[in-house]
Amino acid sequence: MSDASSRYLALRAQEGFLPYTIRAYQVQHNLLIRDIGDVEDGPHHIRTSTGT
């Protein structure tokens, strides 16, 4: 999950999200990972807004 979180945050930064927003997302992700553990990425595919 931490890898997916890193990729998500990097993408949001590239999209021009404010650093404060990225930091808030990072705190939320860290809390989630702390609560449920660092789950491995599975073979699933997450759709993006472009449908890929």
Protein backbone atom coordinates (compact mmCIF):
# COMPACT_ATOMS: atom_id res chain seq x y z
CA MET A 1 0.00 0.00 0.00
CA SER A 2 2.85 2.39 0.70
CA ASP A 3 4.06 2.02 -2.90
CA ALA A 4 0.59 2.82 -4.22
CA SER A 5 0.39 5.78 -1.87
CA SER A 6 3.72 7.12 -3.10
CA ARG A 7 2.63 6.81 -6.73
CA TYR A 8 -0.71 8.49 -5.98
CA LEU A 9 0.93 11.40 -4.19
CA ALA A 10 3.53 11.85 -6.94
CA LEU A 11 0.78 11.95 -9.56
CA ARG A 12 -1.17 14.55 -7.58
CA ALA A 13 1.97 16.68 -7.28
CA GLN A 14 2.45 16.47 -11.07
CA GLU A 15 -1.16 17.53 -11.54
CA GLY A 16 -0.41 20.72 -9.60
CA PHE A 17 -2.04 20.00 -6.25
CA LEU A 18 -0.84 22.35 -3.54
CA PRO A 19 1.91 21.04 -1.25
CA TYR A 20 -0.44 21.48 1.72
CA THR A 21 -3.01 19.21 0.06
CA ILE A 22 -0.35 16.61 -0.77
CA ARG A 23 0.84 16.72 2.85
CA ALA A 24 -2.73 16.25 4.13
CA TYR A 25 -3.18 13.24 1.83
CA GLN A 26 0.14 11.85 3.02
CA VAL A 27 -0.93 12.12 6.66
CA GLN A 28 -4.21 10.34 5.86
CA HIS A 29 -2.39 7.59 3.97
CA ASN A 30 0.08 7.12 6.82
CA LEU A 31 -2.75 6.82 9.34
CA LEU A 32 -4.53 4.26 7.17
CA ILE A 33 -1.34 2.23 6.72
CA ARG A 34 -0.70 2.40 10.45
CA ASP A 35 -4.24 1.18 11.23
CA ILE A 36 -4.55 -1.65 8.68
CA GLY A 37 -0.92 -2.42 7.96
CA ASP A 38 1.12 -2.03 4.80
CA VAL A 39 -0.90 -4.31 2.54
CA GLU A 40 0.88 -5.61 -0.56
CA ASP A 41 -0.26 -4.49 -3.99
CA GLY A 42 -2.24 -7.28 -5.57
CA PRO A 43 -2.75 -8.28 -9.19
CA HIS A 44 -5.73 -5.95 -9.50
CA HIS A 45 -5.77 -2.96 -11.83
CA ILE A 46 -7.00 0.42 -10.69
CA ARG A 47 -8.77 2.45 -13.35
CA THR A 48 -7.65 6.00 -13.90
CA SER A 49 -9.76 8.87 -15.13
CA THR A 50 -8.67 7.99 -18.68
CA GLY A 51 -10.11 4.49 -18.29
CA THR A 52 -6.78 2.64 -18.57
